[in-house]
Amino acid sequence: MEWSDATMLARIQFAFTISFHFLFPALTIGLASYLAVLQGLWLWTGRDVFHSLFNYWKKVFAIAFGMGVVSGIVMTYQFGTNWSVFSERAGPVIGPLMAYEVLTAFFLEAGFLGVMLFGLDRVGRGLHMFATAMVALGTAFSAFWILSVNSWMHTPAGFAINAAGQFVPASWWEVIFNPSFPFRLVHTLFAAYLTTAFAIGGVAAYHLLRDRANEGSRIMFSMAMWMAAIVAPLQIIAGDLHGLNTFEHQPAKIAAIEGHFETQAGPPLILVGWPDMEAETTRYAVAIPSLGGLILTHKWDGVVRGLKEWPPEDRPHAPTVFWTFRIMVLIGFLMTALGLWATWLRVHRRLYDSIGLLRFAMLMGPSGFVAVIAGWMTTEIGRQPYTVYGLLRTAESASPISAAAVGSSLVAFVVVYMLVFGAGTFYIIRLVGHAPEPAEPEMPHRPVRAAGITPAPALSGPGAGTEGGEGEEDER
């Protein structure tokens, strides 16, 4: 397939837009839960520092959530423009699942988002806490349905094929809870929580390097390091279980990830190398004997199939998945190392005093975003050449449109995304560029009025429903 081919350009366009989109849910899924925890700690302990941190991070959540929604809508349109054959063939299965995501998850998030952002003084602490928890639950529901769709494309189950060649559901239970879904759900949620924890930890470390006494930064850093110490090792276990599931259902992907072209009993674990697709060998390999077979089969002499078992046209691109997988794994071990280091210093009451730890944490701040993109590339490129694994090829799924049309829209996406989402990302960096204050301000109300929309008056209180009352609220 040539790079100028319409299908290849459509793949690049979808990869570009989903990469941008995936970054925002990776942050908001974890950040929504973090906000709920902060608000719960405020209500439980009465310490205002937790509410200040809630106000600090909810502004970031609002921007990231908005960009995630916009990028997700744009991405969805490509199913009709670039992948209409896939939509027609798989629509009876994936269409309802996407609708369930909107009806249960997005409506839940959107319904309570305004209350979480602006409603504390209007609905009271209890209802505000409930709204915050519902937003967090909504983000988890969203991950549930989207991952169910994606997992079904990797391990299709519970379907029949009708006379028109469409996939139609035979058992919704088997469609939703397909063989790879539980592993992908746990792995992705852990990834989102770690992405958020390391972003928060990186911001906290940045401010602690300048002011060790800042209470908000100390709390943020402590909570982030607890998450790293607990969840990063669990993520390694979840990743191993996910790999075993992939070994069972997508052995060609595993062969590409491991860089094995020959079927072997007890193959080595190749640490680094370069899989040569034409020569059908991994060059410059540095390997540990027999360890690959032990990891994949839990036996020293376990048999692992090589890529030569499949015709060349049915093989994923081994160099890409080989290296993206190793980037993801390396980051996972670095996260675990940071968590263990922080725990050791915590035990010795030096958590905030180690310059090395703080600098390491700051450098690891963006690592979660790199890991989720690398993991996504491993998963999706490893599924090729199929959109529905083993049943519907990518080349058969694309719309009958010209390469020029796809290419021009791809250029437009790149330009617009860099401008719009670049500006949004820059604004988020500006928001976290200052250390959390003892009395962090609430979300501003002025931009709403500037747009020509008058905010709803408070339900009660002096001057409710009057311009004077709103003025007093702004001054406070």
Protein backbone atom coordinates (compact mmCIF):
# COMPACT_ATOMS: atom_id res chain seq x y z
CA MET A 1 0.00 0.00 0.00
CA GLU A 2 1.50 3.32 -1.10
CA TRP A 3 1.63 6.40 1.12
CA SER A 4 -0.34 8.29 -1.55
CA ASP A 5 -3.09 5.68 -1.51
CA ALA A 6 -6.50 6.93 -0.31
CA THR A 7 -6.82 4.15 2.26
CA MET A 8 -3.38 4.88 3.71
CA LEU A 9 -4.16 8.60 3.90
CA ALA A 10 -7.47 7.79 5.61
CA ARG A 11 -5.59 5.65 8.14
CA ILE A 12 -3.13 8.48 8.79
CA GLN A 13 -5.97 10.95 9.23
CA PHE A 14 -7.79 8.72 11.70
CA ALA A 15 -4.54 8.00 13.55
CA PHE A 16 -3.80 11.72 13.79
CA THR A 17 -7.24 12.72 15.07
CA ILE A 18 -7.59 9.83 17.52
CA SER A 19 -4.11 10.46 18.90
CA PHE A 20 -5.11 14.01 19.76
CA HIS A 21 -8.45 12.84 21.14
CA PHE A 22 -6.99 10.04 23.25
CA LEU A 23 -4.75 12.47 25.14
CA PHE A 24 -7.71 14.30 26.66
CA PRO A 25 -9.73 11.33 28.00
CA ALA A 26 -6.46 9.90 29.33
CA LEU A 27 -6.31 13.01 31.52
CA THR A 28 -9.99 13.63 32.26
CA ILE A 29 -10.83 10.05 33.31
CA GLY A 30 -8.24 10.18 36.06
CA LEU A 31 -8.72 13.86 36.84
CA ALA A 32 -12.47 13.47 37.38
CA SER A 33 -11.82 10.80 40.00
CA TYR A 34 -9.08 12.94 41.56
CA LEU A 35 -11.51 15.87 41.85
CA ALA A 36 -14.06 13.63 43.55
CA VAL A 37 -11.41 12.44 46.02
CA LEU A 38 -10.32 16.02 46.77
CA GLN A 39 -13.88 17.14 47.36
CA GLY A 40 -14.54 14.12 49.56
CA LEU A 41 -11.43 14.84 51.63
CA TRP A 42 -12.54 18.45 52.04
CA LEU A 43 -15.94 17.39 53.36
CA TRP A 44 -14.40 14.73 55.60
CA THR A 45 -11.52 16.69 57.09
CA GLY A 46 -12.72 20.27 56.77
CA ARG A 47 -9.27 21.33 55.52
CA ASP A 48 -9.64 24.14 53.00
CA VAL A 49 -6.47 23.12 51.18
CA PHE A 50 -8.36 20.23 49.56
CA HIS A 51 -11.03 22.60 48.26
CA SER A 52 -8.33 24.93 46.95
CA LEU A 53 -6.75 22.03 45.07
CA PHE A 54 -10.19 21.10 43.74
CA ASN A 55 -10.57 24.63 42.33
CA TYR A 56 -7.02 24.49 40.96
CA TRP A 57 -7.56 21.31 38.96
CA LYS A 58 -11.20 21.70 37.96
CA LYS A 59 -10.19 24.54 35.61
CA VAL A 60 -7.79 22.16 33.87
CA PHE A 61 -10.52 19.52 33.75
CA ALA A 62 -12.99 21.92 32.15
CA ILE A 63 -10.59 22.84 29.33
CA ALA A 64 -9.46 19.24 28.74
CA PHE A 65 -13.05 17.96 28.81
CA GLY A 66 -14.12 20.54 26.22
CA MET A 67 -11.24 19.70 23.91
CA GLY A 68 -11.93 15.99 24.34
CA VAL A 69 -15.58 16.43 23.32
CA VAL A 70 -14.72 18.51 20.24
CA SER A 71 -11.95 16.17 19.06
CA GLY A 72 -14.19 13.14 19.62
CA ILE A 73 -17.01 14.55 17.50
CA VAL A 74 -14.63 15.35 14.64
CA MET A 75 -13.16 11.85 14.82
CA THR A 76 -16.58 10.21 14.70
CA TYR A 77 -17.47 11.93 11.42
CA GLN A 78 -14.68 10.04 9.70
CA PHE A 79 -16.67 6.82 10.02
CA GLY A 80 -19.02 8.28 7.43
CA THR A 81 -16.55 10.16 5.25
CA ASN A 82 -13.54 7.84 5.10
CA TRP A 83 -14.80 4.49 6.41
CA SER A 84 -18.33 4.19 5.09
CA VAL A 85 -17.97 0.52 4.09
CA PHE A 86 -16.83 -0.36 7.61
CA SER A 87 -19.75 1.65 9.03
CA GLU A 88 -22.22 -0.16 6.79
CA ARG A 89 -20.82 -3.62 7.53
CA ALA A 90 -20.22 -3.23 11.29
CA GLY A 91 -22.79 -0.54 12.05
CA PRO A 92 -25.47 -2.89 13.46
CA VAL A 93 -22.98 -3.87 16.19
CA ILE A 94 -20.92 -0.76 16.90
CA GLY A 95 -23.72 1.78 16.30
CA PRO A 96 -25.84 0.83 19.32
CA LEU A 97 -22.74 0.59 21.53
CA MET A 98 -21.73 4.13 20.57
CA ALA A 99 -25.29 5.26 21.25
CA TYR A 100 -25.21 3.67 24.70
CA GLU A 101 -22.03 5.63 25.40
CA VAL A 102 -23.83 8.88 24.57
CA LEU A 103 -27.02 8.01 26.46
CA THR A 104 -25.38 6.72 29.65
CA ALA A 105 -21.92 8.25 29.88
CA PHE A 106 -21.90 11.54 27.99
CA PHE A 107 -25.32 12.64 29.23
CA LEU A 108 -24.27 11.77 32.79
CA GLU A 109 -21.07 13.81 32.46
CA ALA A 110 -22.69 16.73 30.68
CA GLY A 111 -25.71 16.77 33.00
CA PHE A 112 -23.64 17.20 36.14
CA LEU A 113 -20.63 19.06 34.73
CA GLY A 114 -22.14 22.53 35.15
CA VAL A 115 -23.11 21.76 38.75
CA MET A 116 -19.58 20.54 39.48
CA LEU A 117 -17.94 23.59 37.93
CA PHE A 118 -20.27 26.38 39.10
CA GLY A 119 -22.84 24.98 41.51
CA LEU A 120 -21.26 24.75 44.97
CA ASP A 121 -22.82 27.96 46.24
CA ARG A 122 -26.14 27.12 44.62
CA VAL A 123 -26.84 23.50 45.49
CA GLY A 124 -24.88 22.95 48.70
CA ARG A 125 -21.92 20.74 49.54
CA GLY A 126 -23.75 17.40 49.54
CA LEU A 127 -25.34 17.76 46.10
CA HIS A 128 -22.14 19.26 44.74
CA MET A 129 -20.21 16.22 45.95
CA PHE A 130 -22.82 13.97 44.30
CA ALA A 131 -22.47 15.88 41.01
CA THR A 132 -18.69 15.56 41.12
CA ALA A 133 -18.95 11.82 41.74
CA MET A 134 -21.40 11.48 38.82
CA VAL A 135 -18.99 13.23 36.47
CA ALA A 136 -16.27 10.80 37.56
CA LEU A 137 -18.65 7.87 37.08
CA GLY A 138 -19.62 9.19 33.65
CA THR A 139 -16.00 9.23 32.47
CA ALA A 140 -15.64 5.59 33.56
CA PHE A 141 -18.87 4.65 31.75
CA SER A 142 -17.56 6.35 28.63
CA ALA A 143 -14.39 4.28 28.77
CA PHE A 144 -16.52 1.15 29.29
CA TRP A 145 -18.54 1.57 26.08
CA ILE A 146 -15.75 2.87 23.85
CA LEU A 147 -13.44 0.06 24.90
CA SER A 148 -16.21 -2.45 24.33
CA VAL A 149 -16.47 -1.22 20.73
CA ASN A 150 -12.72 -1.28 20.22
CA SER A 151 -12.30 -4.67 21.87
CA TRP A 152 -15.02 -6.20 19.70
CA MET A 153 -13.07 -5.07 16.62
CA HIS A 154 -10.06 -7.00 17.98
CA THR A 155 -11.87 -10.08 19.29
CA PRO A 156 -15.28 -10.17 17.58
CA ALA A 157 -17.86 -12.35 19.30
CA GLY A 158 -21.63 -12.73 19.66
CA PHE A 159 -22.45 -11.84 16.05
CA ALA A 160 -23.86 -13.31 12.85
CA ILE A 161 -23.45 -12.19 9.25
CA ASN A 162 -26.67 -11.47 7.35
CA ALA A 163 -27.38 -11.78 3.63
CA ALA A 164 -26.12 -8.24 3.02
CA GLY A 165 -22.75 -9.11 4.54
CA GLN A 166 -23.37 -7.07 7.69
CA PHE A 167 -22.29 -8.05 11.18
CA VAL A 168 -25.45 -8.27 13.28
CA PRO A 169 -25.65 -8.96 17.02
CA ALA A 170 -26.64 -12.46 18.05
CA SER A 171 -25.83 -12.00 21.75
CA TRP A 172 -25.33 -8.52 23.15
CA TRP A 173 -23.71 -9.99 26.25
CA GLU A 174 -21.03 -11.67 24.13
CA VAL A 175 -20.64 -8.58 21.95
CA ILE A 176 -20.06 -6.27 24.91
CA PHE A 177 -18.04 -8.65 27.08
CA ASN A 178 -15.97 -10.03 24.23
CA PRO A 179 -12.78 -11.99 25.10
CA SER A 180 -10.36 -9.04 25.23
CA PHE A 181 -12.70 -6.43 26.77
CA PRO A 182 -12.05 -7.00 30.51
CA PHE A 183 -8.28 -6.85 29.99
CA ARG A 184 -8.43 -3.72 27.83
CA LEU A 185 -10.77 -1.95 30.24
CA VAL A 186 -8.57 -2.52 33.29
CA HIS A 187 -5.38 -1.73 31.38
CA THR A 188 -6.79 1.51 29.96
CA LEU A 189 -8.30 2.75 33.23
CA PHE A 190 -5.03 2.10 35.05
CA ALA A 191 -3.26 3.98 32.24
CA ALA A 192 -5.60 6.95 32.65
CA TYR A 193 -5.10 7.07 36.43
CA LEU A 194 -1.33 6.87 36.02
CA THR A 195 -1.34 9.54 33.31
CA THR A 196 -3.21 11.88 35.63
CA ALA A 197 -1.08 11.00 38.66
CA PHE A 198 2.19 11.68 36.87
CA ALA A 199 0.88 14.91 35.34
CA ILE A 200 -0.15 16.09 38.82
CA GLY A 201 3.09 14.81 40.32
CA GLY A 202 5.13 16.60 37.67
CA VAL A 203 3.33 19.90 38.32
CA ALA A 204 3.74 19.47 42.08
CA ALA A 205 7.44 18.65 41.73
CA TYR A 206 7.95 21.74 39.58
CA HIS A 207 6.49 23.97 42.28
CA LEU A 208 8.19 22.14 45.16
CA LEU A 209 11.57 22.76 43.56
CA ARG A 210 10.77 26.45 44.01
CA ASP A 211 8.94 26.38 47.33
CA ARG A 212 9.13 23.29 49.55
CA ALA A 213 6.68 24.77 52.04
CA ASN A 214 3.71 25.13 49.67
CA GLU A 215 1.04 22.99 51.32
CA GLY A 216 -0.98 22.37 48.18
CA SER A 217 2.04 21.23 46.19
CA ARG A 218 3.09 18.88 49.00
CA ILE A 219 -0.34 17.25 49.11
CA MET A 220 -0.50 16.91 45.32
CA PHE A 221 2.94 15.31 45.23
CA SER A 222 2.19 12.93 48.07
CA MET A 223 -1.07 11.74 46.50
CA ALA A 224 0.57 11.32 43.08
CA MET A 225 3.40 9.25 44.54
CA TRP A 226 0.95 7.00 46.38
CA MET A 227 -0.81 6.37 43.06
CA ALA A 228 2.51 5.62 41.37
CA ALA A 229 3.59 3.22 44.10
CA ILE A 230 0.30 1.29 44.10
CA VAL A 231 -1.06 1.41 40.54
CA ALA A 232 2.15 1.22 38.46
CA PRO A 233 3.01 -2.32 39.69
CA LEU A 234 -0.63 -3.34 39.22
CA GLN A 235 -0.46 -2.00 35.68
CA ILE A 236 2.50 -4.27 34.93
CA ILE A 237 0.44 -7.26 36.11
CA ALA A 238 -2.60 -6.10 34.12
CA GLY A 239 -0.40 -5.63 31.05
CA ASP A 240 0.96 -9.15 31.39
CA LEU A 241 -2.56 -10.60 31.57
CA HIS A 242 -3.58 -8.50 28.59
CA GLY A 243 -0.56 -9.84 26.70
CA LEU A 244 -1.53 -13.44 27.47
CA ASN A 245 -5.02 -12.73 26.14
CA THR A 246 -3.55 -11.21 22.98
CA PHE A 247 -1.25 -14.23 22.60
CA GLU A 248 -4.36 -16.42 22.56
CA HIS A 249 -6.52 -14.35 20.22
CA GLN A 250 -4.05 -12.33 18.10
CA PRO A 251 -0.86 -14.40 17.86
CA ALA A 252 0.42 -12.51 14.79
CA LYS A 253 0.44 -9.30 16.81
CA ILE A 254 2.46 -10.96 19.57
CA ALA A 255 4.93 -12.32 17.04
CA ALA A 256 5.44 -8.80 15.68
CA ILE A 257 5.74 -7.31 19.18
CA GLU A 258 8.35 -9.89 20.16
CA GLY A 259 10.21 -9.67 16.84
CA HIS A 260 9.92 -13.41 16.17
CA PHE A 261 9.77 -14.58 12.57
CA GLU A 262 10.43 -18.25 13.24
CA THR A 263 8.20 -20.53 15.30
CA GLN A 264 10.25 -21.63 18.31
CA ALA A 265 9.98 -23.61 21.52
CA GLY A 266 11.25 -21.48 24.38
CA PRO A 267 12.15 -18.40 22.26
CA PRO A 268 14.35 -15.66 23.71
CA LEU A 269 13.09 -12.32 24.97
CA ILE A 270 14.45 -9.79 22.47
CA LEU A 271 15.17 -6.59 24.37
CA VAL A 272 16.23 -4.45 21.42
CA GLY A 273 16.71 -5.02 17.71
CA TRP A 274 15.26 -4.13 14.33
CA PRO A 275 12.67 -6.43 12.74
CA ASP A 276 13.40 -6.56 9.01
CA MET A 277 10.12 -7.35 7.24
CA GLU A 278 11.79 -8.13 3.89
CA ALA A 279 14.61 -10.29 5.24
CA GLU A 280 12.20 -11.87 7.76
CA THR A 281 14.60 -11.60 10.67
CA THR A 282 15.30 -9.27 13.59
CA ARG A 283 18.67 -7.64 13.10
CA TYR A 284 21.04 -6.48 15.87
CA ALA A 285 19.01 -8.42 18.44
CA VAL A 286 20.01 -8.29 22.11
CA ALA A 287 18.10 -11.12 23.78
CA ILE A 288 17.73 -13.19 26.95
CA PRO A 289 17.48 -16.92 26.11
CA SER A 290 14.16 -18.72 26.73
CA LEU A 291 12.63 -15.82 28.68
CA GLY A 292 10.20 -14.91 25.89
CA GLY A 293 8.63 -18.34 25.99
CA LEU A 294 8.38 -18.25 29.77
CA ILE A 295 6.59 -14.87 29.76
CA LEU A 296 4.13 -15.79 27.01
CA THR A 297 3.40 -19.43 27.87
CA HIS A 298 4.62 -19.68 31.48
CA LYS A 299 6.77 -22.61 30.34
CA TRP A 300 10.50 -22.61 29.55
CA ASP A 301 9.85 -24.65 26.41
CA GLY A 302 6.54 -23.08 25.42
CA VAL A 303 5.98 -22.73 21.66
CA VAL A 304 5.55 -19.23 20.21
CA ARG A 305 4.50 -18.89 16.58
CA GLY A 306 6.61 -16.68 14.31
CA LEU A 307 5.46 -14.22 11.65
CA LYS A 308 6.37 -16.65 8.89
CA GLU A 309 3.27 -18.63 9.90
CA TRP A 310 1.20 -15.94 8.16
CA PRO A 311 1.37 -14.72 4.55
CA PRO A 312 3.21 -11.38 4.16
CA GLU A 313 -0.04 -9.56 3.39
CA ASP A 314 -1.53 -10.71 6.72
CA ARG A 315 1.33 -9.50 8.93
CA PRO A 316 1.28 -6.28 10.99
CA HIS A 317 4.18 -3.87 10.57
CA ALA A 318 6.64 -5.41 13.01
CA PRO A 319 9.15 -2.53 13.44
CA THR A 320 6.42 -0.14 14.59
CA VAL A 321 4.72 -2.40 17.11
CA PHE A 322 8.08 -3.78 18.30
CA TRP A 323 9.34 -0.34 19.32
CA THR A 324 6.10 1.28 20.48
CA PHE A 325 5.56 -1.67 22.81
CA ARG A 326 9.04 -1.26 24.27
CA ILE A 327 8.52 2.47 24.79
CA MET A 328 5.33 1.74 26.71
CA VAL A 329 6.95 -0.98 28.82
CA LEU A 330 10.01 1.15 29.58
CA ILE A 331 7.80 3.99 30.80
CA GLY A 332 5.83 1.53 32.94
CA PHE A 333 8.99 0.35 34.69
CA LEU A 334 10.20 3.94 35.15
CA MET A 335 6.85 4.79 36.75
CA THR A 336 7.21 1.83 39.10
CA ALA A 337 10.78 2.83 39.96
CA LEU A 338 9.66 6.38 40.78
CA GLY A 339 6.85 5.08 42.96
CA LEU A 340 9.17 2.75 44.88
CA TRP A 341 11.79 5.49 45.31
CA ALA A 342 9.15 7.87 46.63
CA THR A 343 7.88 5.22 49.05
CA TRP A 344 11.39 4.61 50.41
CA LEU A 345 11.89 8.34 50.97
CA ARG A 346 8.43 8.64 52.51
CA VAL A 347 9.30 5.95 55.06
CA HIS A 348 12.44 7.92 55.92
CA ARG A 349 10.46 11.22 56.05
CA ARG A 350 12.37 12.75 53.16
CA LEU A 351 9.69 12.73 50.46
CA TYR A 352 9.88 16.48 49.79
CA ASP A 353 13.61 16.91 50.41
CA SER A 354 15.19 14.90 47.58
CA ILE A 355 16.12 17.14 44.65
CA GLY A 356 16.75 14.04 42.54
CA LEU A 357 13.27 12.63 43.18
CA LEU A 358 11.58 15.96 42.43
CA ARG A 359 13.49 16.40 39.18
CA PHE A 360 12.75 12.81 38.16
CA ALA A 361 9.04 13.32 38.91
CA MET A 362 8.98 16.56 36.92
CA LEU A 363 10.60 14.85 33.92
CA MET A 364 8.08 12.01 34.22
CA GLY A 365 5.14 14.43 34.19
CA PRO A 366 4.26 13.89 30.48
CA SER A 367 5.26 10.20 30.50
CA GLY A 368 1.71 8.91 30.83
CA PHE A 369 0.65 10.65 27.62
CA VAL A 370 3.60 9.13 25.74
CA ALA A 371 2.80 5.68 27.13
CA VAL A 372 -0.89 5.74 26.15
CA ILE A 373 -0.09 6.82 22.60
CA ALA A 374 2.63 4.17 22.30
CA GLY A 375 0.25 1.55 23.68
CA TRP A 376 -2.51 2.62 21.32
CA MET A 377 -0.16 2.36 18.34
CA THR A 378 0.93 -1.11 19.44
CA THR A 379 -2.67 -2.25 19.73
CA GLU A 380 -4.10 -0.71 16.57
CA ILE A 381 -1.19 -1.17 14.17
CA GLY A 382 -0.82 -4.70 15.51
CA ARG A 383 -4.41 -5.41 14.40
CA GLN A 384 -3.62 -4.65 10.78
CA PRO A 385 -4.43 -5.52 8.06
CA TYR A 386 -7.92 -5.80 9.57
CA THR A 387 -10.52 -3.44 10.97
CA VAL A 388 -12.54 -6.36 12.35
CA TYR A 389 -9.81 -8.84 13.17
CA GLY A 390 -9.67 -11.80 10.81
CA LEU A 391 -12.99 -10.89 9.17
CA LEU A 392 -12.91 -7.45 7.51
CA ARG A 393 -9.74 -6.07 5.99
CA THR A 394 -8.82 -2.41 6.23
CA ALA A 395 -8.51 -2.11 2.45
CA GLU A 396 -12.11 -3.32 2.14
CA SER A 397 -13.41 -0.89 4.78
CA ALA A 398 -12.53 2.45 3.22
CA SER A 399 -14.90 4.80 1.39
CA PRO A 400 -14.63 5.04 -2.42
CA ILE A 401 -13.09 8.52 -2.39
CA SER A 402 -10.01 9.97 -4.04
CA ALA A 403 -6.63 10.33 -2.39
CA ALA A 404 -6.69 14.06 -3.16
CA ALA A 405 -9.90 14.51 -1.14
CA VAL A 406 -8.52 12.64 1.86
CA GLY A 407 -5.15 14.35 1.60
CA SER A 408 -6.60 17.86 1.51
CA SER A 409 -8.80 17.19 4.53
CA LEU A 410 -5.79 15.69 6.35
CA VAL A 411 -3.81 18.90 5.80
CA ALA A 412 -6.77 20.93 7.05
CA PHE A 413 -7.03 18.75 10.17
CA VAL A 414 -3.33 19.17 10.93
CA VAL A 415 -3.46 22.95 10.61
CA VAL A 416 -6.68 23.43 12.59
CA TYR A 417 -5.74 20.95 15.31
CA MET A 418 -2.34 22.55 15.83
CA LEU A 419 -3.93 25.98 16.17
CA VAL A 420 -6.99 25.10 18.27
CA PHE A 421 -5.68 22.32 20.47
CA GLY A 422 -2.25 23.88 20.62
CA ALA A 423 -3.84 27.01 22.08
CA GLY A 424 -5.87 24.94 24.53
CA THR A 425 -2.83 22.99 25.66
CA PHE A 426 -0.85 26.22 26.07
CA TYR A 427 -3.66 27.60 28.25
CA ILE A 428 -3.63 24.48 30.44
CA ILE A 429 0.12 24.87 30.90
CA ARG A 430 -0.48 28.49 31.88
CA LEU A 431 -3.09 27.41 34.43
CA VAL A 432 -0.71 25.02 36.20
CA GLY A 433 2.22 27.39 35.85
CA HIS A 434 1.41 29.02 39.19
CA ALA A 435 1.54 27.17 42.47
CA PRO A 436 -1.80 26.37 44.17
CA GLU A 437 -2.86 29.21 46.44
CA PRO A 438 -4.38 28.87 49.94
CA ALA A 439 -7.65 30.31 48.61
CA GLU A 440 -7.68 29.22 44.96
CA PRO A 441 -10.36 31.21 43.08
CA GLU A 442 -13.45 29.53 41.65
CA MET A 443 -14.24 29.24 37.95
CA PRO A 444 -14.72 32.73 36.44
CA HIS A 445 -18.24 33.79 35.49
CA ARG A 446 -17.34 36.78 33.34
CA PRO A 447 -16.59 34.87 30.09
CA VAL A 448 -20.14 33.50 30.10
CA ARG A 449 -21.60 36.99 30.21
CA ALA A 450 -19.14 38.20 27.57
CA ALA A 451 -20.62 35.64 25.21
CA GLY A 452 -24.00 37.30 25.58
CA ILE A 453 -25.44 34.76 28.02
CA THR A 454 -26.53 35.85 31.47
CA PRO A 455 -25.73 33.31 34.19
CA ALA A 456 -28.69 31.91 36.10
CA PRO A 457 -29.27 33.76 39.39
CA ALA A 458 -28.54 32.05 42.67
CA LEU A 459 -31.47 30.17 44.17
CA SER A 460 -31.30 32.06 47.42
CA GLY A 461 -29.32 34.71 49.24
CA PRO A 462 -29.17 38.47 49.33
CA GLY A 463 -29.92 40.09 46.02
CA ALA A 464 -30.73 36.80 44.27
CA GLY A 465 -31.91 37.42 40.73
CA THR A 466 -30.78 41.06 40.67
CA GLU A 467 -27.84 42.73 39.03
CA GLY A 468 -26.79 44.03 42.44
CA GLY A 469 -26.74 40.52 43.86
CA GLU A 470 -24.58 39.28 40.99
CA GLY A 471 -22.20 42.18 41.47
CA GLU A 472 -21.81 41.34 45.16
CA GLU A 473 -21.11 37.69 44.26
CA ASP A 474 -18.42 38.73 41.77
CA GLU A 475 -16.72 40.92 44.35
CA ARG A 476 -16.67 38.07 46.83
